[in-house]
Amino acid sequence: MFEIRCPYCGPRDEPEFKYGGQAHVAYPADPELLSDEEWARFLFVRDNSRGRYAERWNHAAGCRRWFNVIRDTGTHELVGSYRVGEQPEDAR
């Protein structure tokens, strides 16, 4: 188990949270115009790089808010967290 810092509630144990995938993925402007292949790419294709990675998390057993976490995928170290709408360099 590891600790995640909710930017609204402070540090809490990981079981209180739900993972939400890659952060900063823009929703299509007009999804009705996407082909099935484009829609599938939007839903399922994400970066899978080693190193620092921005993820979305939800504090499901707390404030229920969504926020972003920077996690190193090689070491599993949580580098910081920040509110939706903030920039990753604000991660603390």
PDB file of N, CA and C in Angstrom:
ATOM      1  N   MET A   1       0.854  -1.171   0.000  1.00  0.00           N
ATOM      2  CA  MET A   1       0.000   0.000   0.000  1.00  0.00           C
ATOM      3  C   MET A   1       0.902   1.237   0.000  1.00  0.00           C
ATOM      4  N   PHE A   2       0.427   2.281  -0.658  1.00  0.00           N
ATOM      5  CA  PHE A   2       1.171   3.529  -0.678  1.00  0.00           C
ATOM      6  C   PHE A   2       0.239   4.678  -0.324  1.00  0.00           C
ATOM      7  N   GLU A   3       0.818   5.834  -0.118  1.00  0.00           N
ATOM      8  CA  GLU A   3       0.066   7.016   0.288  1.00  0.00           C
ATOM      9  C   GLU A   3      -0.059   7.980  -0.881  1.00  0.00           C
ATOM     10  N   ILE A   4      -1.247   8.519  -1.077  1.00  0.00           N
ATOM     11  CA  ILE A   4      -1.508   9.507  -2.119  1.00  0.00           C
ATOM     12  C   ILE A   4      -1.900  10.804  -1.427  1.00  0.00           C
ATOM     13  N   ARG A   5      -1.344  11.908  -1.909  1.00  0.00           N
ATOM     14  CA  ARG A   5      -1.694  13.210  -1.347  1.00  0.00           C
ATOM     15  C   ARG A   5      -2.848  13.805  -2.154  1.00  0.00           C
ATOM     16  N   CYS A   6      -4.038  13.803  -1.565  1.00  0.00           N
ATOM     17  CA  CYS A   6      -5.181  14.464  -2.183  1.00  0.00           C
ATOM     18  C   CYS A   6      -4.962  15.965  -2.006  1.00  0.00           C
ATOM     19  N   PRO A   7      -5.009  16.753  -3.090  1.00  0.00           N
ATOM     20  CA  PRO A   7      -4.780  18.190  -2.941  1.00  0.00           C
ATOM     21  C   PRO A   7      -5.893  18.907  -2.168  1.00  0.00           C
ATOM     22  N   TYR A   8      -6.981  18.211  -1.884  1.00  0.00           N
ATOM     23  CA  TYR A   8      -8.085  18.792  -1.124  1.00  0.00           C
ATOM     24  C   TYR A   8      -8.091  18.324   0.332  1.00  0.00           C
ATOM     25  N   CYS A   9      -7.733  17.049   0.579  1.00  0.00           N
ATOM     26  CA  CYS A   9      -7.847  16.454   1.914  1.00  0.00           C
ATOM     27  C   CYS A   9      -6.512  16.148   2.577  1.00  0.00           C
ATOM     28  N   GLY A  10      -5.434  16.154   1.807  1.00  0.00           N
ATOM     29  CA  GLY A  10      -4.137  15.791   2.357  1.00  0.00           C
ATOM     30  C   GLY A  10      -3.811  14.328   2.114  1.00  0.00           C
ATOM     31  N   PRO A  11      -2.738  13.837   2.716  1.00  0.00           N
ATOM     32  CA  PRO A  11      -2.290  12.456   2.493  1.00  0.00           C
ATOM     33  C   PRO A  11      -3.271  11.429   3.054  1.00  0.00           C
ATOM     34  N   ARG A  12      -3.531  10.399   2.233  1.00  0.00           N
ATOM     35  CA  ARG A  12      -4.412   9.298   2.639  1.00  0.00           C
ATOM     36  C   ARG A  12      -3.862   8.003   2.030  1.00  0.00           C
ATOM     37  N   ASP A  13      -4.302   6.861   2.579  1.00  0.00           N
ATOM     38  CA  ASP A  13      -3.874   5.568   2.055  1.00  0.00           C
ATOM     39  C   ASP A  13      -4.548   5.285   0.713  1.00  0.00           C
ATOM     40  N   GLU A  14      -3.831   4.607  -0.154  1.00  0.00           N
ATOM     41  CA  GLU A  14      -4.254   4.326  -1.526  1.00  0.00           C
ATOM     42  C   GLU A  14      -5.619   3.650  -1.655  1.00  0.00           C
ATOM     43  N   PRO A  15      -6.050   2.760  -0.744  1.00  0.00           N
ATOM     44  CA  PRO A  15      -7.367   2.136  -0.922  1.00  0.00           C
ATOM     45  C   PRO A  15      -8.543   3.117  -0.960  1.00  0.00           C
ATOM     46  N   GLU A  16      -8.350   4.368  -0.508  1.00  0.00           N
ATOM     47  CA  GLU A  16      -9.416   5.364  -0.555  1.00  0.00           C
ATOM     48  C   GLU A  16      -9.646   5.926  -1.963  1.00  0.00           C
ATOM     49  N   PHE A  17      -8.756   5.597  -2.913  1.00  0.00           N
ATOM     50  CA  PHE A  17      -8.764   6.228  -4.228  1.00  0.00           C
ATOM     51  C   PHE A  17      -9.088   5.243  -5.342  1.00  0.00           C
ATOM     52  N   LYS A  18      -9.559   5.785  -6.441  1.00  0.00           N
ATOM     53  CA  LYS A  18      -9.793   5.014  -7.665  1.00  0.00           C
ATOM     54  C   LYS A  18      -8.980   5.641  -8.786  1.00  0.00           C
ATOM     55  N   TYR A  19      -8.284   4.797  -9.533  1.00  0.00           N
ATOM     56  CA  TYR A  19      -7.457   5.233 -10.655  1.00  0.00           C
ATOM     57  C   TYR A  19      -8.338   5.620 -11.831  1.00  0.00           C
ATOM     58  N   GLY A  20      -7.999   6.699 -12.536  1.00  0.00           N
ATOM     59  CA  GLY A  20      -8.821   7.172 -13.638  1.00  0.00           C
ATOM     60  C   GLY A  20      -8.116   7.275 -14.970  1.00  0.00           C
ATOM     61  N   GLY A  21      -6.914   6.722 -15.084  1.00  0.00           N
ATOM     62  CA  GLY A  21      -6.209   6.743 -16.365  1.00  0.00           C
ATOM     63  C   GLY A  21      -5.311   7.949 -16.551  1.00  0.00           C
ATOM     64  N   GLN A  22      -4.853   8.111 -17.765  1.00  0.00           N
ATOM     65  CA  GLN A  22      -3.930   9.184 -18.114  1.00  0.00           C
ATOM     66  C   GLN A  22      -4.599  10.550 -17.964  1.00  0.00           C
ATOM     67  N   ALA A  23      -3.879  11.500 -17.412  1.00  0.00           N
ATOM     68  CA  ALA A  23      -4.390  12.871 -17.261  1.00  0.00           C
ATOM     69  C   ALA A  23      -4.162  13.663 -18.538  1.00  0.00           C
ATOM     70  N   HIS A  24      -4.866  14.750 -18.659  1.00  0.00           N
ATOM     71  CA  HIS A  24      -4.697  15.720 -19.750  1.00  0.00           C
ATOM     72  C   HIS A  24      -5.045  15.152 -21.128  1.00  0.00           C
ATOM     73  N   VAL A  25      -6.036  14.278 -21.190  1.00  0.00           N
ATOM     74  CA  VAL A  25      -6.524  13.761 -22.463  1.00  0.00           C
ATOM     75  C   VAL A  25      -7.773  14.566 -22.816  1.00  0.00           C
ATOM     76  N   ALA A  26      -7.683  15.338 -23.877  1.00  0.00           N
ATOM     77  CA  ALA A  26      -8.788  16.215 -24.266  1.00  0.00           C
ATOM     78  C   ALA A  26      -9.929  15.411 -24.888  1.00  0.00           C
ATOM     79  N   TYR A  27     -11.142  15.698 -24.460  1.00  0.00           N
ATOM     80  CA  TYR A  27     -12.326  15.071 -25.035  1.00  0.00           C
ATOM     81  C   TYR A  27     -12.520  15.616 -26.452  1.00  0.00           C
ATOM     82  N   PRO A  28     -12.888  14.771 -27.399  1.00  0.00           N
ATOM     83  CA  PRO A  28     -13.082  15.259 -28.772  1.00  0.00           C
ATOM     84  C   PRO A  28     -14.109  16.385 -28.847  1.00  0.00           C
ATOM     85  N   ALA A  29     -13.828  17.385 -29.668  1.00  0.00           N
ATOM     86  CA  ALA A  29     -14.720  18.539 -29.800  1.00  0.00           C
ATOM     87  C   ALA A  29     -16.101  18.137 -30.318  1.00  0.00           C
ATOM     88  N   ASP A  30     -16.138  17.219 -31.271  1.00  0.00           N
ATOM     89  CA  ASP A  30     -17.406  16.777 -31.837  1.00  0.00           C
ATOM     90  C   ASP A  30     -17.373  15.249 -31.981  1.00  0.00           C
ATOM     91  N   PRO A  31     -17.634  14.524 -30.908  1.00  0.00           N
ATOM     92  CA  PRO A  31     -17.485  13.061 -30.928  1.00  0.00           C
ATOM     93  C   PRO A  31     -18.374  12.354 -31.941  1.00  0.00           C
ATOM     94  N   GLU A  32     -19.502  12.960 -32.303  1.00  0.00           N
ATOM     95  CA  GLU A  32     -20.403  12.323 -33.270  1.00  0.00           C
ATOM     96  C   GLU A  32     -19.765  12.199 -34.654  1.00  0.00           C
ATOM     97  N   LEU A  33     -18.762  13.022 -34.936  1.00  0.00           N
ATOM     98  CA  LEU A  33     -18.100  12.978 -36.244  1.00  0.00           C
ATOM     99  C   LEU A  33     -16.943  11.990 -36.310  1.00  0.00           C
ATOM    100  N   LEU A  34     -16.595  11.371 -35.186  1.00  0.00           N
ATOM    101  CA  LEU A  34     -15.483  10.424 -35.180  1.00  0.00           C
ATOM    102  C   LEU A  34     -15.890   9.087 -35.796  1.00  0.00           C
ATOM    103  N   SER A  35     -14.963   8.510 -36.523  1.00  0.00           N
ATOM    104  CA  SER A  35     -15.192   7.152 -37.032  1.00  0.00           C
ATOM    105  C   SER A  35     -15.058   6.178 -35.860  1.00  0.00           C
ATOM    106  N   ASP A  36     -15.469   4.945 -36.059  1.00  0.00           N
ATOM    107  CA  ASP A  36     -15.316   3.944 -35.007  1.00  0.00           C
ATOM    108  C   ASP A  36     -13.852   3.782 -34.624  1.00  0.00           C
ATOM    109  N   GLU A  37     -12.962   3.807 -35.607  1.00  0.00           N
ATOM    110  CA  GLU A  37     -11.528   3.674 -35.332  1.00  0.00           C
ATOM    111  C   GLU A  37     -11.004   4.863 -34.517  1.00  0.00           C
ATOM    112  N   GLU A  38     -11.421   6.075 -34.863  1.00  0.00           N
ATOM    113  CA  GLU A  38     -10.992   7.261 -34.119  1.00  0.00           C
ATOM    114  C   GLU A  38     -11.541   7.247 -32.687  1.00  0.00           C
ATOM    115  N   TRP A  39     -12.788   6.824 -32.536  1.00  0.00           N
ATOM    116  CA  TRP A  39     -13.392   6.753 -31.216  1.00  0.00           C
ATOM    117  C   TRP A  39     -12.675   5.707 -30.358  1.00  0.00           C
ATOM    118  N   ALA A  40     -12.381   4.552 -30.933  1.00  0.00           N
ATOM    119  CA  ALA A  40     -11.654   3.500 -30.215  1.00  0.00           C
ATOM    120  C   ALA A  40     -10.269   3.997 -29.799  1.00  0.00           C
ATOM    121  N   ARG A  41      -9.585   4.728 -30.689  1.00  0.00           N
ATOM    122  CA  ARG A  41      -8.268   5.280 -30.363  1.00  0.00           C
ATOM    123  C   ARG A  41      -8.377   6.251 -29.186  1.00  0.00           C
ATOM    124  N   PHE A  42      -9.404   7.102 -29.199  1.00  0.00           N
ATOM    125  CA  PHE A  42      -9.595   8.044 -28.092  1.00  0.00           C
ATOM    126  C   PHE A  42      -9.841   7.296 -26.773  1.00  0.00           C
ATOM    127  N   LEU A  43     -10.666   6.264 -26.806  1.00  0.00           N
ATOM    128  CA  LEU A  43     -11.031   5.553 -25.583  1.00  0.00           C
ATOM    129  C   LEU A  43      -9.917   4.683 -25.016  1.00  0.00           C
ATOM    130  N   PHE A  44      -9.138   4.046 -25.888  1.00  0.00           N
ATOM    131  CA  PHE A  44      -8.254   2.991 -25.414  1.00  0.00           C
ATOM    132  C   PHE A  44      -6.756   3.233 -25.584  1.00  0.00           C
ATOM    133  N   VAL A  45      -6.340   4.098 -26.466  1.00  0.00           N
ATOM    134  CA  VAL A  45      -4.909   4.268 -26.714  1.00  0.00           C
ATOM    135  C   VAL A  45      -4.371   5.397 -25.836  1.00  0.00           C
ATOM    136  N   ARG A  46      -3.405   5.067 -25.007  1.00  0.00           N
ATOM    137  CA  ARG A  46      -2.787   6.028 -24.105  1.00  0.00           C
ATOM    138  C   ARG A  46      -1.275   5.861 -24.158  1.00  0.00           C
ATOM    139  N   ASP A  47      -0.583   6.897 -23.694  1.00  0.00           N
ATOM    140  CA  ASP A  47       0.872   6.802 -23.593  1.00  0.00           C
ATOM    141  C   ASP A  47       1.220   5.681 -22.623  1.00  0.00           C
ATOM    142  N   ASN A  48       2.340   5.054 -22.848  1.00  0.00           N
ATOM    143  CA  ASN A  48       2.792   3.985 -21.968  1.00  0.00           C
ATOM    144  C   ASN A  48       4.304   4.092 -21.832  1.00  0.00           C
ATOM    145  N   SER A  49       4.741   5.233 -21.355  1.00  0.00           N
ATOM    146  CA  SER A  49       6.178   5.483 -21.280  1.00  0.00           C
ATOM    147  C   SER A  49       6.708   5.196 -19.884  1.00  0.00           C
ATOM    148  N   ARG A  50       7.999   4.947 -19.832  1.00  0.00           N
ATOM    149  CA  ARG A  50       8.669   4.749 -18.548  1.00  0.00           C
ATOM    150  C   ARG A  50       9.131   6.114 -18.052  1.00  0.00           C
ATOM    151  N   GLY A  51       8.901   6.387 -16.796  1.00  0.00           N
ATOM    152  CA  GLY A  51       9.290   7.660 -16.212  1.00  0.00           C
ATOM    153  C   GLY A  51       8.086   8.389 -15.649  1.00  0.00           C
ATOM    154  N   ARG A  52       8.185   9.698 -15.553  1.00  0.00           N
ATOM    155  CA  ARG A  52       7.100  10.498 -14.982  1.00  0.00           C
ATOM    156  C   ARG A  52       5.879  10.506 -15.900  1.00  0.00           C
ATOM    157  N   TYR A  53       4.725  10.294 -15.279  1.00  0.00           N
ATOM    158  CA  TYR A  53       3.483  10.111 -16.019  1.00  0.00           C
ATOM    159  C   TYR A  53       2.355  10.790 -15.243  1.00  0.00           C
ATOM    160  N   ALA A  54       1.552  11.602 -15.914  1.00  0.00           N
ATOM    161  CA  ALA A  54       0.423  12.281 -15.269  1.00  0.00           C
ATOM    162  C   ALA A  54      -0.806  11.381 -15.317  1.00  0.00           C
ATOM    163  N   GLU A  55      -1.389  11.137 -14.141  1.00  0.00           N
ATOM    164  CA  GLU A  55      -2.549  10.260 -14.024  1.00  0.00           C
ATOM    165  C   GLU A  55      -3.698  10.994 -13.339  1.00  0.00           C
ATOM    166  N   ARG A  56      -4.916  10.542 -13.618  1.00  0.00           N
ATOM    167  CA  ARG A  56      -6.106  11.058 -12.934  1.00  0.00           C
ATOM    168  C   ARG A  56      -6.475  10.090 -11.815  1.00  0.00           C
ATOM    169  N   TRP A  57      -6.824  10.632 -10.658  1.00  0.00           N
ATOM    170  CA  TRP A  57      -7.270   9.829  -9.528  1.00  0.00           C
ATOM    171  C   TRP A  57      -8.515  10.479  -8.933  1.00  0.00           C
ATOM    172  N   ASN A  58      -9.357   9.659  -8.327  1.00  0.00           N
ATOM    173  CA  ASN A  58     -10.561  10.132  -7.660  1.00  0.00           C
ATOM    174  C   ASN A  58     -10.494   9.706  -6.196  1.00  0.00           C
ATOM    175  N   HIS A  59     -10.737  10.648  -5.305  1.00  0.00           N
ATOM    176  CA  HIS A  59     -10.749  10.332  -3.866  1.00  0.00           C
ATOM    177  C   HIS A  59     -12.138   9.795  -3.504  1.00  0.00           C
ATOM    178  N   ALA A  60     -12.377   8.551  -3.893  1.00  0.00           N
ATOM    179  CA  ALA A  60     -13.697   7.929  -3.800  1.00  0.00           C
ATOM    180  C   ALA A  60     -14.204   7.794  -2.368  1.00  0.00           C
ATOM    181  N   ALA A  61     -13.309   7.541  -1.412  1.00  0.00           N
ATOM    182  CA  ALA A  61     -13.735   7.360  -0.022  1.00  0.00           C
ATOM    183  C   ALA A  61     -13.492   8.621   0.800  1.00  0.00           C
ATOM    184  N   GLY A  62     -13.348   9.739   0.123  1.00  0.00           N
ATOM    185  CA  GLY A  62     -13.115  11.002   0.817  1.00  0.00           C
ATOM    186  C   GLY A  62     -13.961  12.098   0.210  1.00  0.00           C
ATOM    187  N   CYS A  63     -13.310  13.097  -0.360  1.00  0.00           N
ATOM    188  CA  CYS A  63     -14.011  14.263  -0.905  1.00  0.00           C
ATOM    189  C   CYS A  63     -14.684  13.993  -2.251  1.00  0.00           C
ATOM    190  N   ARG A  64     -14.374  12.850  -2.867  1.00  0.00           N
ATOM    191  CA  ARG A  64     -14.941  12.426  -4.156  1.00  0.00           C
ATOM    192  C   ARG A  64     -14.533  13.303  -5.330  1.00  0.00           C
ATOM    193  N   ARG A  65     -13.492  14.087  -5.167  1.00  0.00           N
ATOM    194  CA  ARG A  65     -13.026  14.967  -6.243  1.00  0.00           C
ATOM    195  C   ARG A  65     -11.957  14.277  -7.078  1.00  0.00           C
ATOM    196  N   TRP A  66     -11.898  14.695  -8.337  1.00  0.00           N
ATOM    197  CA  TRP A  66     -10.856  14.241  -9.247  1.00  0.00           C
ATOM    198  C   TRP A  66      -9.664  15.177  -9.136  1.00  0.00           C
ATOM    199  N   PHE A  67      -8.466  14.622  -9.277  1.00  0.00           N
ATOM    200  CA  PHE A  67      -7.238  15.399  -9.275  1.00  0.00           C
ATOM    201  C   PHE A  67      -6.186  14.621 -10.047  1.00  0.00           C
ATOM    202  N   ASN A  68      -5.038  15.227 -10.247  1.00  0.00           N
ATOM    203  CA  ASN A  68      -3.962  14.598 -11.020  1.00  0.00           C
ATOM    204  C   ASN A  68      -2.778  14.273 -10.122  1.00  0.00           C
ATOM    205  N   VAL A  69      -2.094  13.214 -10.475  1.00  0.00           N
ATOM    206  CA  VAL A  69      -0.899  12.760  -9.758  1.00  0.00           C
ATOM    207  C   VAL A  69       0.211  12.562 -10.776  1.00  0.00           C
ATOM    208  N   ILE A  70       1.412  12.947 -10.420  1.00  0.00           N
ATOM    209  CA  ILE A  70       2.585  12.610 -11.226  1.00  0.00           C
ATOM    210  C   ILE A  70       3.226  11.399 -10.560  1.00  0.00           C
ATOM    211  N   ARG A  71       3.335  10.308 -11.317  1.00  0.00           N
ATOM    212  CA  ARG A  71       3.914   9.066 -10.792  1.00  0.00           C
ATOM    213  C   ARG A  71       5.019   8.612 -11.722  1.00  0.00           C
ATOM    214  N   ASP A  72       6.112   8.154 -11.146  1.00  0.00           N
ATOM    215  CA  ASP A  72       7.194   7.578 -11.938  1.00  0.00           C
ATOM    216  C   ASP A  72       6.849   6.112 -12.177  1.00  0.00           C
ATOM    217  N   THR A  73       6.611   5.753 -13.435  1.00  0.00           N
ATOM    218  CA  THR A  73       6.176   4.388 -13.747  1.00  0.00           C
ATOM    219  C   THR A  73       7.295   3.366 -13.589  1.00  0.00           C
ATOM    220  N   GLY A  74       8.541   3.820 -13.546  1.00  0.00           N
ATOM    221  CA  GLY A  74       9.660   2.903 -13.349  1.00  0.00           C
ATOM    222  C   GLY A  74       9.862   2.527 -11.895  1.00  0.00           C
ATOM    223  N   THR A  75       9.660   3.480 -10.999  1.00  0.00           N
ATOM    224  CA  THR A  75       9.890   3.251  -9.569  1.00  0.00           C
ATOM    225  C   THR A  75       8.602   3.194  -8.755  1.00  0.00           C
ATOM    226  N   HIS A  76       7.488   3.589  -9.344  1.00  0.00           N
ATOM    227  CA  HIS A  76       6.174   3.663  -8.706  1.00  0.00           C
ATOM    228  C   HIS A  76       6.119   4.796  -7.671  1.00  0.00           C
ATOM    229  N   GLU A  77       7.128   5.670  -7.665  1.00  0.00           N
ATOM    230  CA  GLU A  77       7.163   6.798  -6.738  1.00  0.00           C
ATOM    231  C   GLU A  77       6.139   7.850  -7.147  1.00  0.00           C
ATOM    232  N   LEU A  78       5.362   8.331  -6.181  1.00  0.00           N
ATOM    233  CA  LEU A  78       4.430   9.421  -6.437  1.00  0.00           C
ATOM    234  C   LEU A  78       5.191  10.721  -6.218  1.00  0.00           C
ATOM    235  N   VAL A  79       5.369  11.471  -7.286  1.00  0.00           N
ATOM    236  CA  VAL A  79       6.174  12.685  -7.256  1.00  0.00           C
ATOM    237  C   VAL A  79       5.377  13.848  -6.672  1.00  0.00           C
ATOM    238  N   GLY A  80       4.093  13.927  -6.976  1.00  0.00           N
ATOM    239  CA  GLY A  80       3.259  15.000  -6.458  1.00  0.00           C
ATOM    240  C   GLY A  80       1.849  14.909  -6.987  1.00  0.00           C
ATOM    241  N   SER A  81       1.013  15.796  -6.496  1.00  0.00           N
ATOM    242  CA  SER A  81      -0.378  15.839  -6.948  1.00  0.00           C
ATOM    243  C   SER A  81      -0.791  17.289  -7.116  1.00  0.00           C
ATOM    244  N   TYR A  82      -1.824  17.497  -7.921  1.00  0.00           N
ATOM    245  CA  TYR A  82      -2.304  18.847  -8.183  1.00  0.00           C
ATOM    246  C   TYR A  82      -3.755  18.785  -8.645  1.00  0.00           C
ATOM    247  N   ARG A  83      -4.458  19.880  -8.467  1.00  0.00           N
ATOM    248  CA  ARG A  83      -5.870  19.958  -8.825  1.00  0.00           C
ATOM    249  C   ARG A  83      -6.049  20.001 -10.337  1.00  0.00           C
ATOM    250  N   VAL A  84      -7.176  19.515 -10.797  1.00  0.00           N
ATOM    251  CA  VAL A  84      -7.529  19.611 -12.217  1.00  0.00           C
ATOM    252  C   VAL A  84      -7.544  21.092 -12.581  1.00  0.00           C
ATOM    253  N   GLY A  85      -6.933  21.431 -13.700  1.00  0.00           N
ATOM    254  CA  GLY A  85      -6.845  22.820 -14.130  1.00  0.00           C
ATOM    255  C   GLY A  85      -5.513  23.454 -13.807  1.00  0.00           C
ATOM    256  N   GLU A  86      -4.766  22.875 -12.852  1.00  0.00           N
ATOM    257  CA  GLU A  86      -3.419  23.346 -12.560  1.00  0.00           C
ATOM    258  C   GLU A  86      -2.441  22.671 -13.503  1.00  0.00           C
ATOM    259  N   GLN A  87      -1.239  23.150 -13.543  1.00  0.00           N
ATOM    260  CA  GLN A  87      -0.195  22.584 -14.401  1.00  0.00           C
ATOM    261  C   GLN A  87       0.643  21.592 -13.600  1.00  0.00           C
ATOM    262  N   PRO A  88       1.219  20.572 -14.251  1.00  0.00           N
ATOM    263  CA  PRO A  88       2.009  19.561 -13.553  1.00  0.00           C
ATOM    264  C   PRO A  88       3.176  20.133 -12.753  1.00  0.00           C
ATOM    265  N   GLU A  89       3.775  21.236 -13.205  1.00  0.00           N
ATOM    266  CA  GLU A  89       4.897  21.786 -12.467  1.00  0.00           C
ATOM    267  C   GLU A  89       4.472  22.299 -11.094  1.00  0.00           C
ATOM    268  N   ASP A  90       3.154  22.415 -10.874  1.00  0.00           N
ATOM    269  CA  ASP A  90       2.644  22.814  -9.570  1.00  0.00           C
ATOM    270  C   ASP A  90       2.535  21.617  -8.614  1.00  0.00           C
ATOM    271  N   ALA A  91       2.907  20.418  -9.087  1.00  0.00           N
ATOM    272  CA  ALA A  91       2.775  19.231  -8.254  1.00  0.00           C
ATOM    273  C   ALA A  91       3.618  19.369  -6.995  1.00  0.00           C
ATOM    274  N   ARG A  92       3.017  19.034  -5.866  1.00  0.00           N
ATOM    275  CA  ARG A  92       3.741  19.128  -4.601  1.00  0.00           C
ATOM    276  C   ARG A  92       3.535  17.859  -3.807  1.00  0.00           C
TER     277      ARG A  92
END
